[in-house]
Amino acid sequence: MTDAPLAIPSLPPAQAVLINPYDRPFTLLSVAELRALEQDAGASLPAHTLMGRAGHAGARFLLEHIAHDGSADPYQPVWLVAGPGNNGGDALVVAAELRRAGVAVEVCMPVEVRPDDARWALTEARAAGVAISNAVPASFDRYGWVVDGMFGIGLARRLEGVFESIATQLSARAKTRGRVLALDVPSGLDSDTGNVVEGGVAVRATNTVTFIGAKPGLFMSSGRDLAGDVTVAPIGVEGPRQPAVRLNGPALFVPYFPPRDFSTHKGTFGSLAVVGGDTGMCGAPILAARAALFAGAGKVHVAFLGAGSPPYDPPHPELMLHPLDELPLATMDALSIGCGMGKRERAVGVLRDVLRLKVPTLLDADALNLVAHHAELAAAVKQRGETGNDPCVLTPHPLEAARLLGSDAKSVQRDRLAAARELAARYACVAVLKGTGTVIAAADGRVCVNPTGNAALATGGTGDVLGGLIGALLSQGLPHYEAALAGVYLHGLAAEKLTVRGRGPAGLTAGELAPMVRKLLNRLVYPLRD
């Protein structure tokens, strides 16, 4: 073994970093954007620099974890699989770095690497004394970490043959003993969409170190499960100045919250009316209204369309409950309409009237289905955004989005970013496409992917809670897009925090979210001063 380091220009300390992207508005880069950045950076750097830096970053991640988190016996070898392209080259640099650091490594290379950069990495790995073969062990039990360096972002077709078999083995390892690291993205994952390429097999990792910038597919659809915990290694390459997609985070919405000064009063923080609740469907608007209370709205009303509505809410008598005809909606600061609204002709008329009001409005549930089936309502939604500078906020799940787009849920899920953008453009609205990696899109082109939330939200009523949260933020004067960002982020984070406390992911009820949202809101936006 040689002690000589790889001949790669070193990164300045400020750039040689590994970043947790979950708490900041990180840029999310498409494959096309990444290719352009790589080409520009490569033209101004010595040969093999980017691959060397990526390998350094992957090795650094493993060395830090082996040394400090007790996740693996430091004397256990690390097993790496190297694919035939540049992702395989990254893996070979990782192996060489680990070997020089005194860690035992074994590399499986089923097909010899082909690109020039990867050939250079192979030479470096051999010079460092890395053991390389095409053998795949029957079990990974004797290894501390196993590393996926098969294909990264470069895969255009489904995994096949030995690579499919290895992906299946790595995924089984991740589900049992853990400690599976993917380099850049898990092999088999479409990094633009979060879907598995061609519906085939993909690696499930416990951790992913992704290079240059984060990718949207790591935070959406299957990608959230397959990528595990994501770490970004910028490797000294600056992203685009005007990113097309960003990761949602507090920095994007906290500055828009109103101050809570001593001189404020309930009117300062607005009046929200939750409109819905046809006969026999009172629960949904009450859930939404309770959430609005916990999200800081000054006054919260519920306007019921149907008969037999309760006169008050015993757990929360602060809510003001009314038959719809007795509440002047035009005097409200915001409206959230659709929860339990039904699809009767009266509901159509109520929604038509609401869309004529100059009041910030969120549409959810039945209101979305009415818009999808009535061209005049769809036109009214679009007109508000185009001519009145008062876009509606639409919060569909994939099936509702498909109805609004005249499509189907599979098509929506095939490219969630494209679907959210189309919704925002078609209805001149702020679209909140719910699901794993909720996408928030504005008609002006701004797009965010939300990183918070988990399976605890897969229960009835959580969508109603989200509608109430965003409605409450609209009533407090937050701009439409920022209100959506804040509501989605806090809603998901509340589910995560409750899960840590044992309240989920199984059995969490929608009504439990709002008190946790209140706690998180005050910590993030209104922290106490000493």
Protein backbone atom coordinates (compact mmCIF):
# COMPACT_ATOMS: atom_id res chain seq x y z
CA MET A 1 0.00 0.00 0.00
CA THR A 2 1.20 3.55 -0.73
CA ASP A 3 0.66 6.54 1.51
CA ALA A 4 0.63 8.99 -1.39
CA PRO A 5 -2.67 10.87 -1.77
CA LEU A 6 -4.57 10.97 -5.03
CA ALA A 7 -3.32 13.67 -7.38
CA ILE A 8 -6.45 15.79 -7.15
CA PRO A 9 -6.47 19.55 -6.48
CA SER A 10 -7.67 19.93 -2.93
CA LEU A 11 -10.86 21.77 -2.10
CA PRO A 12 -10.78 24.86 0.12
CA PRO A 13 -12.11 24.06 3.62
CA ALA A 14 -15.31 26.00 2.94
CA GLN A 15 -16.07 23.76 -0.04
CA ALA A 16 -14.96 20.41 1.40
CA VAL A 17 -18.23 19.98 3.23
CA LEU A 18 -21.02 17.49 3.65
CA ILE A 19 -24.37 19.22 4.08
CA ASN A 20 -27.68 18.09 5.53
CA PRO A 21 -30.19 19.59 3.07
CA TYR A 22 -33.40 19.08 5.03
CA ASP A 23 -33.50 22.37 6.92
CA ARG A 24 -32.64 24.78 4.12
CA PRO A 25 -34.01 25.81 0.71
CA PHE A 26 -31.52 23.73 -1.22
CA THR A 27 -31.43 23.83 -5.01
CA LEU A 28 -32.75 20.64 -6.62
CA LEU A 29 -30.99 19.92 -9.89
CA SER A 30 -32.33 18.00 -12.86
CA VAL A 31 -30.09 15.69 -14.84
CA ALA A 32 -29.93 18.26 -17.64
CA GLU A 33 -28.85 20.99 -15.21
CA LEU A 34 -26.25 18.70 -13.66
CA ARG A 35 -24.78 17.78 -17.03
CA ALA A 36 -24.46 21.46 -17.92
CA LEU A 37 -22.78 22.28 -14.60
CA GLU A 38 -20.39 19.35 -14.94
CA GLN A 39 -19.45 20.42 -18.45
CA ASP A 40 -18.82 24.04 -17.42
CA ALA A 41 -16.83 23.06 -14.33
CA GLY A 42 -14.85 20.39 -16.14
CA ALA A 43 -13.73 22.85 -18.79
CA SER A 44 -11.95 24.97 -16.20
CA LEU A 45 -10.50 22.25 -13.97
CA PRO A 46 -7.70 19.72 -14.40
CA ALA A 47 -8.70 16.31 -15.70
CA HIS A 48 -10.46 13.94 -13.29
CA THR A 49 -10.99 16.69 -10.68
CA LEU A 50 -14.76 16.28 -10.23
CA MET A 51 -14.56 12.49 -9.96
CA GLY A 52 -11.71 12.80 -7.49
CA ARG A 53 -13.64 15.25 -5.36
CA ALA A 54 -16.77 13.09 -5.43
CA GLY A 55 -14.72 10.09 -4.31
CA HIS A 56 -13.13 12.15 -1.55
CA ALA A 57 -16.62 13.14 -0.34
CA GLY A 58 -17.94 9.57 -0.32
CA ALA A 59 -14.86 8.34 1.54
CA ARG A 60 -15.10 11.16 4.04
CA PHE A 61 -18.72 10.27 4.78
CA LEU A 62 -17.80 6.65 5.44
CA LEU A 63 -14.74 7.45 7.54
CA GLU A 64 -16.74 9.83 9.73
CA HIS A 65 -19.49 7.30 10.27
CA ILE A 66 -17.13 4.42 10.91
CA ALA A 67 -15.15 6.47 13.40
CA HIS A 68 -17.88 8.29 15.29
CA ASP A 69 -21.38 6.85 15.10
CA GLY A 70 -20.77 3.24 16.07
CA SER A 71 -22.76 2.08 13.07
CA ALA A 72 -20.18 -0.54 12.13
CA ASP A 73 -17.15 -2.27 13.52
CA PRO A 74 -14.17 -0.20 12.27
CA TYR A 75 -12.32 -3.44 11.54
CA GLN A 76 -15.03 -4.78 9.25
CA PRO A 77 -14.25 -4.33 5.54
CA VAL A 78 -16.28 -2.06 3.26
CA TRP A 79 -17.73 -3.66 0.13
CA LEU A 80 -18.33 -1.54 -2.97
CA VAL A 81 -19.91 -2.33 -6.31
CA ALA A 82 -18.64 -0.31 -9.28
CA GLY A 83 -20.73 -0.02 -12.42
CA PRO A 84 -19.33 0.45 -15.91
CA GLY A 85 -19.68 4.26 -16.02
CA ASN A 86 -18.62 7.29 -14.02
CA ASN A 87 -20.60 6.25 -10.96
CA GLY A 88 -18.36 3.20 -10.89
CA GLY A 89 -15.39 5.56 -11.12
CA ASP A 90 -16.66 7.44 -8.05
CA ALA A 91 -16.83 4.12 -6.18
CA LEU A 92 -13.27 3.26 -7.18
CA VAL A 93 -11.98 6.59 -5.85
CA VAL A 94 -13.87 5.98 -2.60
CA ALA A 95 -12.24 2.56 -2.33
CA ALA A 96 -8.76 3.99 -2.95
CA GLU A 97 -9.26 6.69 -0.32
CA LEU A 98 -10.51 4.20 2.25
CA ARG A 99 -7.64 1.85 1.52
CA ARG A 100 -5.11 4.63 2.03
CA ALA A 101 -6.84 5.50 5.31
CA GLY A 102 -6.30 1.95 6.56
CA VAL A 103 -9.81 0.59 5.99
CA ALA A 104 -10.11 -2.84 4.38
CA VAL A 105 -12.08 -2.64 1.14
CA GLU A 106 -13.30 -4.99 -1.57
CA VAL A 107 -14.65 -3.85 -4.93
CA CYS A 108 -16.96 -5.85 -7.16
CA MET A 109 -16.76 -4.70 -10.79
CA PRO A 110 -19.03 -6.95 -12.88
CA VAL A 111 -18.17 -5.04 -16.06
CA GLU A 112 -14.94 -3.09 -16.40
CA VAL A 113 -15.40 0.68 -16.36
CA ARG A 114 -15.27 2.45 -19.73
CA PRO A 115 -15.14 6.29 -19.58
CA ASP A 116 -11.75 8.01 -19.36
CA ASP A 117 -12.40 9.41 -15.88
CA ALA A 118 -13.46 6.01 -14.62
CA ARG A 119 -10.42 4.35 -16.22
CA TRP A 120 -8.22 6.81 -14.34
CA ALA A 121 -10.05 5.92 -11.11
CA LEU A 122 -9.47 2.22 -11.78
CA THR A 123 -5.74 2.86 -12.16
CA GLU A 124 -5.69 4.78 -8.89
CA ALA A 125 -7.59 2.04 -7.06
CA ARG A 126 -5.20 -0.63 -8.29
CA ALA A 127 -2.21 1.52 -7.29
CA ALA A 128 -3.66 1.84 -3.79
CA GLY A 129 -3.88 -1.95 -3.48
CA VAL A 130 -7.67 -2.25 -3.68
CA ALA A 131 -8.89 -5.82 -4.18
CA ILE A 132 -11.08 -5.86 -7.32
CA SER A 133 -13.02 -8.80 -8.70
CA ASN A 134 -16.34 -9.58 -10.37
CA ALA A 135 -17.46 -11.87 -7.54
CA VAL A 136 -20.66 -11.09 -5.63
CA PRO A 137 -20.78 -12.52 -2.10
CA ALA A 138 -23.75 -14.61 -1.10
CA SER A 139 -24.04 -12.56 2.10
CA PHE A 140 -22.92 -9.10 3.18
CA ASP A 141 -22.92 -10.00 6.87
CA ARG A 142 -19.17 -9.70 7.30
CA TYR A 143 -19.03 -6.16 5.91
CA GLY A 144 -19.52 -2.97 7.86
CA TRP A 145 -20.81 -0.78 5.05
CA VAL A 146 -21.80 -1.74 1.53
CA VAL A 147 -21.69 0.92 -1.19
CA ASP A 148 -23.75 1.26 -4.36
CA GLY A 149 -21.70 2.81 -7.17
CA MET A 150 -23.43 1.12 -10.08
CA PHE A 151 -25.15 3.81 -12.14
CA GLY A 152 -26.11 7.01 -10.29
CA ILE A 153 -27.97 9.53 -12.45
CA GLY A 154 -26.75 7.95 -15.69
CA LEU A 155 -29.28 5.12 -15.96
CA ALA A 156 -31.82 5.39 -18.77
CA ARG A 157 -33.19 1.83 -18.66
CA ARG A 158 -34.15 -0.64 -15.95
CA LEU A 159 -31.50 -2.61 -14.09
CA GLU A 160 -30.86 -6.04 -15.55
CA GLY A 161 -28.77 -9.14 -14.98
CA VAL A 162 -26.11 -9.03 -12.28
CA PHE A 163 -26.88 -5.38 -11.50
CA GLU A 164 -30.53 -6.17 -10.82
CA SER A 165 -29.45 -9.06 -8.59
CA ILE A 166 -27.01 -6.84 -6.64
CA ALA A 167 -29.66 -4.14 -6.24
CA THR A 168 -32.02 -6.71 -4.73
CA GLN A 169 -29.33 -7.92 -2.32
CA LEU A 170 -28.40 -4.39 -1.24
CA SER A 171 -32.04 -3.53 -0.64
CA ALA A 172 -32.50 -6.61 1.53
CA ARG A 173 -29.44 -5.57 3.52
CA ALA A 174 -30.82 -2.03 4.02
CA LYS A 175 -34.09 -3.43 5.40
CA THR A 176 -32.37 -5.69 7.91
CA ARG A 177 -28.89 -4.73 9.07
CA GLY A 178 -28.73 -1.35 7.33
CA ARG A 179 -25.55 0.59 6.44
CA VAL A 180 -26.03 0.82 2.67
CA LEU A 181 -24.59 3.94 1.04
CA ALA A 182 -25.62 5.07 -2.45
CA LEU A 183 -23.25 7.35 -4.35
CA ASP A 184 -25.11 10.27 -5.97
CA VAL A 185 -28.49 8.47 -6.26
CA PRO A 186 -29.55 4.87 -5.60
CA SER A 187 -29.04 2.89 -8.81
CA GLY A 188 -32.31 2.34 -10.64
CA LEU A 189 -33.89 5.56 -9.37
CA ASP A 190 -34.89 8.33 -11.77
CA SER A 191 -33.34 11.35 -10.06
CA ASP A 192 -35.70 13.79 -11.81
CA THR A 193 -38.98 12.15 -10.78
CA GLY A 194 -38.32 9.83 -7.84
CA ASN A 195 -39.74 6.87 -9.74
CA VAL A 196 -37.95 3.58 -10.37
CA VAL A 197 -36.68 3.51 -13.94
CA GLU A 198 -39.14 1.63 -16.17
CA GLY A 199 -40.83 0.13 -13.12
CA GLY A 200 -37.91 -2.21 -12.50
CA VAL A 201 -35.70 -2.69 -9.45
CA ALA A 202 -33.75 -0.03 -7.60
CA VAL A 203 -31.36 -0.02 -4.67
CA ARG A 204 -32.82 0.84 -1.29
CA ALA A 205 -30.12 2.66 0.66
CA THR A 206 -29.98 3.83 4.23
CA ASN A 207 -27.86 6.83 3.20
CA THR A 208 -27.12 8.71 0.01
CA VAL A 209 -24.23 11.11 -0.61
CA THR A 210 -25.26 13.15 -3.62
CA PHE A 211 -22.78 15.27 -5.56
CA ILE A 212 -22.85 18.93 -6.70
CA GLY A 213 -26.44 19.42 -5.58
CA ALA A 214 -29.52 17.59 -4.37
CA LYS A 215 -31.87 15.99 -6.89
CA PRO A 216 -35.67 16.28 -6.82
CA GLY A 217 -36.14 12.52 -7.13
CA LEU A 218 -34.43 11.96 -3.78
CA PHE A 219 -37.35 13.70 -2.06
CA MET A 220 -40.35 12.50 -4.07
CA SER A 221 -42.31 9.32 -4.69
CA SER A 222 -40.20 6.16 -4.24
CA GLY A 223 -37.06 8.23 -3.89
CA ARG A 224 -37.74 9.17 -0.28
CA ASP A 225 -37.81 5.52 0.71
CA LEU A 226 -34.93 4.46 -1.50
CA ALA A 227 -32.48 7.27 -0.73
CA GLY A 228 -32.64 7.11 3.07
CA ASP A 229 -30.85 10.02 4.76
CA VAL A 230 -29.47 12.38 2.13
CA THR A 231 -26.19 14.29 2.43
CA VAL A 232 -25.09 16.81 -0.19
CA ALA A 233 -21.43 17.15 -1.24
CA PRO A 234 -21.17 20.31 -3.40
CA ILE A 235 -17.56 19.41 -4.43
CA GLY A 236 -16.83 23.03 -5.27
CA VAL A 237 -19.37 23.43 -8.09
CA GLU A 238 -21.79 26.32 -7.82
CA GLY A 239 -25.38 25.69 -8.78
CA PRO A 240 -27.49 27.85 -11.11
CA ARG A 241 -28.18 31.40 -9.98
CA GLN A 242 -31.89 31.01 -10.64
CA PRO A 243 -32.79 27.45 -9.67
CA ALA A 244 -35.89 26.00 -11.25
CA VAL A 245 -36.75 23.86 -8.22
CA ARG A 246 -35.86 24.27 -4.56
CA LEU A 247 -36.26 22.21 -1.41
CA ASN A 248 -38.76 23.77 0.95
CA GLY A 249 -37.36 25.10 4.21
CA PRO A 250 -38.08 27.73 6.90
CA ALA A 251 -35.88 30.38 5.29
CA LEU A 252 -38.40 30.60 2.44
CA PHE A 253 -41.42 31.42 4.60
CA VAL A 254 -40.48 32.52 8.13
CA PRO A 255 -39.72 36.14 7.09
CA TYR A 256 -43.33 36.55 5.90
CA PHE A 257 -45.02 35.90 9.25
CA PRO A 258 -46.51 38.92 11.02
CA PRO A 259 -44.83 40.06 14.25
CA ARG A 260 -46.55 39.20 17.51
CA ASP A 261 -46.11 42.58 19.18
CA PHE A 262 -47.62 43.54 22.52
CA SER A 263 -49.95 45.95 20.75
CA THR A 264 -51.54 43.32 18.52
CA HIS A 265 -55.01 41.87 19.00
CA LYS A 266 -57.15 39.13 17.50
CA GLY A 267 -58.06 41.30 14.53
CA THR A 268 -54.41 41.66 13.68
CA PHE A 269 -54.18 37.99 12.78
CA GLY A 270 -57.25 37.79 10.64
CA SER A 271 -60.55 35.97 10.39
CA LEU A 272 -60.77 32.67 8.55
CA ALA A 273 -63.97 30.99 7.45
CA VAL A 274 -63.89 27.27 6.71
CA VAL A 275 -66.74 26.62 4.28
CA GLY A 276 -68.10 23.11 3.81
CA GLY A 277 -69.92 20.49 5.80
CA ASP A 278 -72.98 19.39 3.87
CA THR A 279 -75.51 17.35 5.82
CA GLY A 280 -73.76 14.47 7.59
CA MET A 281 -70.26 15.75 6.75
CA CYS A 282 -69.51 18.19 9.55
CA GLY A 283 -66.33 16.54 10.80
CA ALA A 284 -64.01 17.63 7.99
CA PRO A 285 -64.53 21.40 8.30
CA ILE A 286 -64.30 21.20 12.08
CA LEU A 287 -60.94 19.42 11.79
CA ALA A 288 -59.74 22.15 9.44
CA ALA A 289 -61.01 24.90 11.70
CA ARG A 290 -59.36 23.43 14.79
CA ALA A 291 -56.07 23.33 12.93
CA ALA A 292 -56.52 26.98 11.97
CA LEU A 293 -56.85 27.92 15.63
CA PHE A 294 -53.57 26.23 16.47
CA ALA A 295 -51.89 27.92 13.51
CA GLY A 296 -52.50 31.37 14.92
CA ALA A 297 -55.56 32.75 13.14
CA GLY A 298 -57.19 35.51 15.15
CA LYS A 299 -60.77 34.27 14.68
CA VAL A 300 -61.99 31.07 13.06
CA HIS A 301 -65.49 30.49 11.74
CA VAL A 302 -67.10 27.40 10.22
CA ALA A 303 -69.86 27.94 7.67
CA PHE A 304 -71.95 24.78 7.20
CA LEU A 305 -73.84 24.14 3.97
CA GLY A 306 -75.99 21.34 5.34
CA ALA A 307 -78.65 20.87 7.98
CA GLY A 308 -78.12 19.44 11.44
CA SER A 309 -74.78 21.11 12.10
CA PRO A 310 -73.65 21.42 15.73
CA PRO A 311 -74.19 24.75 17.50
CA TYR A 312 -70.65 24.75 18.90
CA ASP A 313 -67.55 22.56 19.15
CA PRO A 314 -67.25 21.26 22.76
CA PRO A 315 -63.45 20.67 22.68
CA HIS A 316 -62.92 24.09 21.11
CA PRO A 317 -65.73 26.52 21.92
CA GLU A 318 -63.46 29.24 20.52
CA LEU A 319 -64.68 28.20 17.09
CA MET A 320 -67.69 30.09 15.80
CA LEU A 321 -70.09 27.77 13.97
CA HIS A 322 -72.78 29.11 11.62
CA PRO A 323 -75.20 28.07 8.94
CA LEU A 324 -73.64 29.36 5.74
CA ASP A 325 -76.37 31.93 5.09
CA GLU A 326 -75.69 33.63 8.43
CA LEU A 327 -71.98 34.36 7.86
CA PRO A 328 -70.96 37.25 5.58
CA LEU A 329 -68.02 35.64 3.78
CA ALA A 330 -66.98 38.89 2.11
CA THR A 331 -65.92 40.26 5.51
CA MET A 332 -63.41 37.45 6.12
CA ASP A 333 -59.65 37.77 5.64
CA ALA A 334 -59.37 34.31 4.11
CA LEU A 335 -61.56 31.37 3.10
CA SER A 336 -60.86 27.65 3.05
CA ILE A 337 -63.58 25.91 1.09
CA GLY A 338 -64.31 22.32 0.15
CA CYS A 339 -64.03 20.10 3.25
CA GLY A 340 -67.14 17.91 3.35
CA MET A 341 -68.81 20.28 0.91
CA GLY A 342 -70.46 17.64 -1.23
CA LYS A 343 -71.31 17.92 -4.91
CA ARG A 344 -74.92 19.02 -4.88
CA GLU A 345 -76.12 21.96 -6.95
CA ARG A 346 -76.05 24.18 -3.91
CA ALA A 347 -72.35 23.48 -3.48
CA VAL A 348 -71.78 24.58 -7.09
CA GLY A 349 -73.59 27.86 -6.41
CA VAL A 350 -71.70 28.51 -3.18
CA LEU A 351 -68.35 27.96 -4.84
CA ARG A 352 -69.36 30.20 -7.74
CA ASP A 353 -70.20 32.98 -5.28
CA VAL A 354 -67.01 32.51 -3.27
CA LEU A 355 -64.82 32.77 -6.35
CA ARG A 356 -66.31 36.21 -7.03
CA LEU A 357 -65.17 37.52 -3.64
CA LYS A 358 -61.90 39.41 -3.30
CA VAL A 359 -60.77 37.28 -0.39
CA PRO A 360 -57.70 34.96 -0.35
CA THR A 361 -59.15 31.51 -0.96
CA LEU A 362 -57.99 27.92 -0.63
CA LEU A 363 -59.79 25.14 -2.50
CA ASP A 364 -59.66 21.58 -1.24
CA ALA A 365 -61.51 18.27 -1.50
CA ASP A 366 -64.99 18.63 -3.00
CA ALA A 367 -64.28 22.17 -4.20
CA LEU A 368 -61.51 20.78 -6.40
CA ASN A 369 -63.80 18.13 -7.85
CA LEU A 370 -66.42 20.76 -8.63
CA VAL A 371 -63.82 22.86 -10.45
CA ALA A 372 -62.75 19.79 -12.42
CA HIS A 373 -66.31 19.09 -13.57
CA HIS A 374 -67.63 22.62 -14.19
CA ALA A 375 -65.91 24.70 -16.84
CA GLU A 376 -67.33 27.97 -15.52
CA LEU A 377 -65.76 27.34 -12.09
CA ALA A 378 -62.42 26.45 -13.67
CA ALA A 379 -62.54 29.68 -15.67
CA ALA A 380 -63.34 31.67 -12.54
CA VAL A 381 -60.37 30.20 -10.70
CA LYS A 382 -58.05 31.07 -13.58
CA GLN A 383 -59.46 34.57 -13.95
CA ARG A 384 -58.76 35.36 -10.31
CA GLY A 385 -55.10 34.57 -10.76
CA GLU A 386 -54.70 36.24 -14.13
CA THR A 387 -56.60 39.48 -13.65
CA GLY A 388 -57.15 39.99 -9.95
CA ASN A 389 -53.67 39.19 -8.64
CA ASP A 390 -55.43 36.95 -6.13
CA PRO A 391 -54.62 33.36 -7.10
CA CYS A 392 -56.44 30.57 -5.38
CA VAL A 393 -54.46 27.94 -3.50
CA LEU A 394 -55.39 24.46 -4.74
CA THR A 395 -54.44 21.46 -2.61
CA PRO A 396 -55.17 18.27 -4.61
CA HIS A 397 -53.97 14.76 -3.98
CA PRO A 398 -52.88 12.92 -7.16
CA LEU A 399 -56.36 11.68 -8.12
CA GLU A 400 -57.88 15.15 -7.65
CA ALA A 401 -54.99 16.61 -9.64
CA ALA A 402 -55.68 14.12 -12.43
CA ARG A 403 -59.31 15.24 -12.59
CA LEU A 404 -58.25 18.88 -12.75
CA LEU A 405 -55.84 18.09 -15.58
CA GLY A 406 -58.12 15.70 -17.47
CA SER A 407 -55.56 12.98 -16.94
CA ASP A 408 -55.09 10.01 -14.62
CA ALA A 409 -53.27 9.50 -11.34
CA LYS A 410 -50.51 7.38 -12.91
CA SER A 411 -49.66 10.18 -15.31
CA VAL A 412 -49.55 12.68 -12.46
CA GLN A 413 -47.26 10.46 -10.42
CA ARG A 414 -45.05 9.76 -13.42
CA ASP A 415 -43.79 13.36 -13.25
CA ARG A 416 -45.04 15.21 -10.20
CA LEU A 417 -43.05 18.35 -10.95
CA ALA A 418 -44.56 18.63 -14.42
CA ALA A 419 -48.06 17.97 -13.08
CA ALA A 420 -47.77 20.67 -10.40
CA ARG A 421 -46.40 23.16 -12.90
CA GLU A 422 -49.26 22.40 -15.29
CA LEU A 423 -51.83 22.88 -12.54
CA ALA A 424 -50.32 26.22 -11.58
CA ALA A 425 -50.26 27.40 -15.19
CA ARG A 426 -53.69 26.09 -16.19
CA TYR A 427 -55.48 27.61 -13.19
CA ALA A 428 -53.15 30.60 -12.59
CA CYS A 429 -52.94 29.37 -9.01
CA VAL A 430 -50.64 28.15 -6.30
CA ALA A 431 -50.80 24.37 -6.63
CA VAL A 432 -50.04 22.08 -3.70
CA LEU A 433 -49.74 18.58 -5.15
CA LYS A 434 -49.92 16.41 -2.06
CA GLY A 435 -48.14 13.11 -1.64
CA THR A 436 -44.65 11.83 -0.91
CA GLY A 437 -42.60 14.93 -1.59
CA THR A 438 -45.46 17.42 -1.83
CA VAL A 439 -44.81 19.83 -4.70
CA ILE A 440 -45.73 23.50 -4.35
CA ALA A 441 -45.85 25.41 -7.63
CA ALA A 442 -46.79 29.00 -8.46
CA ALA A 443 -47.96 30.32 -11.80
CA ASP A 444 -44.89 32.59 -11.97
CA GLY A 445 -42.65 29.52 -12.20
CA ARG A 446 -41.52 29.09 -8.60
CA VAL A 447 -41.48 25.44 -7.52
CA CYS A 448 -40.56 23.74 -4.25
CA VAL A 449 -40.46 20.13 -3.13
CA ASN A 450 -41.28 19.59 0.53
CA PRO A 451 -38.96 17.30 2.52
CA THR A 452 -41.09 16.79 5.64
CA GLY A 453 -43.78 14.23 6.42
CA ASN A 454 -44.04 10.47 6.71
CA ALA A 455 -46.47 7.56 6.66
CA ALA A 456 -48.23 8.89 9.77
CA LEU A 457 -50.07 11.26 7.43
CA ALA A 458 -51.68 8.32 5.61
CA THR A 459 -54.92 8.56 7.54
CA GLY A 460 -58.26 10.27 7.07
CA GLY A 461 -58.52 13.97 7.86
CA THR A 462 -54.88 14.98 7.53
CA GLY A 463 -55.66 16.78 4.27
CA ASP A 464 -58.41 18.74 6.03
CA VAL A 465 -55.88 19.77 8.67
CA LEU A 466 -53.52 21.01 5.98
CA GLY A 467 -56.28 23.08 4.41
CA GLY A 468 -57.00 24.68 7.76
CA LEU A 469 -53.33 25.42 8.38
CA ILE A 470 -52.78 27.14 5.05
CA GLY A 471 -56.06 29.01 5.38
CA ALA A 472 -55.00 30.32 8.79
CA LEU A 473 -51.73 31.58 7.34
CA LEU A 474 -53.55 33.31 4.49
CA SER A 475 -55.76 35.05 7.06
CA GLN A 476 -52.62 36.35 8.81
CA GLY A 477 -51.49 38.04 5.61
CA LEU A 478 -48.86 35.63 4.32
CA PRO A 479 -48.56 35.67 0.52
CA HIS A 480 -50.26 32.73 -1.12
CA TYR A 481 -47.10 30.85 -2.12
CA GLU A 482 -45.35 31.35 1.22
CA ALA A 483 -48.50 30.36 3.13
CA ALA A 484 -48.54 27.10 1.18
CA LEU A 485 -44.84 26.48 1.82
CA ALA A 486 -45.23 27.08 5.55
CA GLY A 487 -48.38 25.00 5.95
CA VAL A 488 -46.99 22.00 4.09
CA TYR A 489 -43.64 22.12 5.89
CA LEU A 490 -45.15 22.39 9.39
CA HIS A 491 -47.81 19.78 8.66
CA GLY A 492 -45.17 17.22 7.65
CA LEU A 493 -42.74 18.13 10.41
CA ALA A 494 -45.49 17.69 13.01
CA ALA A 495 -46.02 14.12 11.79
CA GLU A 496 -42.30 13.43 12.06
CA LYS A 497 -42.01 14.81 15.60
CA LEU A 498 -45.07 12.89 16.78
CA THR A 499 -43.67 9.70 15.27
CA VAL A 500 -40.44 10.13 17.22
CA ARG A 501 -42.60 10.33 20.35
CA GLY A 502 -44.31 7.06 19.54
CA ARG A 503 -47.57 8.54 18.26
CA GLY A 504 -46.93 7.27 14.73
CA PRO A 505 -46.48 6.20 12.06
CA ALA A 506 -49.33 3.80 12.81
CA GLY A 507 -52.40 5.16 14.50
CA LEU A 508 -51.72 8.89 14.44
CA THR A 509 -55.01 10.75 14.13
CA ALA A 510 -55.43 13.93 12.14
CA GLY A 511 -56.51 15.90 15.18
CA GLU A 512 -53.19 15.25 16.91
CA LEU A 513 -51.26 17.23 14.32
CA ALA A 514 -52.47 20.73 15.15
CA PRO A 515 -51.07 21.03 18.72
CA MET A 516 -47.66 19.93 17.45
CA VAL A 517 -47.89 22.43 14.60
CA ARG A 518 -48.45 25.16 17.19
CA LYS A 519 -45.33 24.13 19.08
CA LEU A 520 -43.21 24.00 15.93
CA LEU A 521 -44.59 27.31 14.67
CA ASN A 522 -43.63 29.07 17.87
CA ARG A 523 -40.17 27.52 17.91
CA LEU A 524 -39.43 28.41 14.29
CA VAL A 525 -41.12 31.77 13.95
CA TYR A 526 -41.61 33.20 17.44
CA PRO A 527 -38.83 31.83 19.65
CA LEU A 528 -38.80 33.24 23.17
CA ARG A 529 -36.13 35.80 23.95
CA ASP A 530 -34.19 35.71 27.21
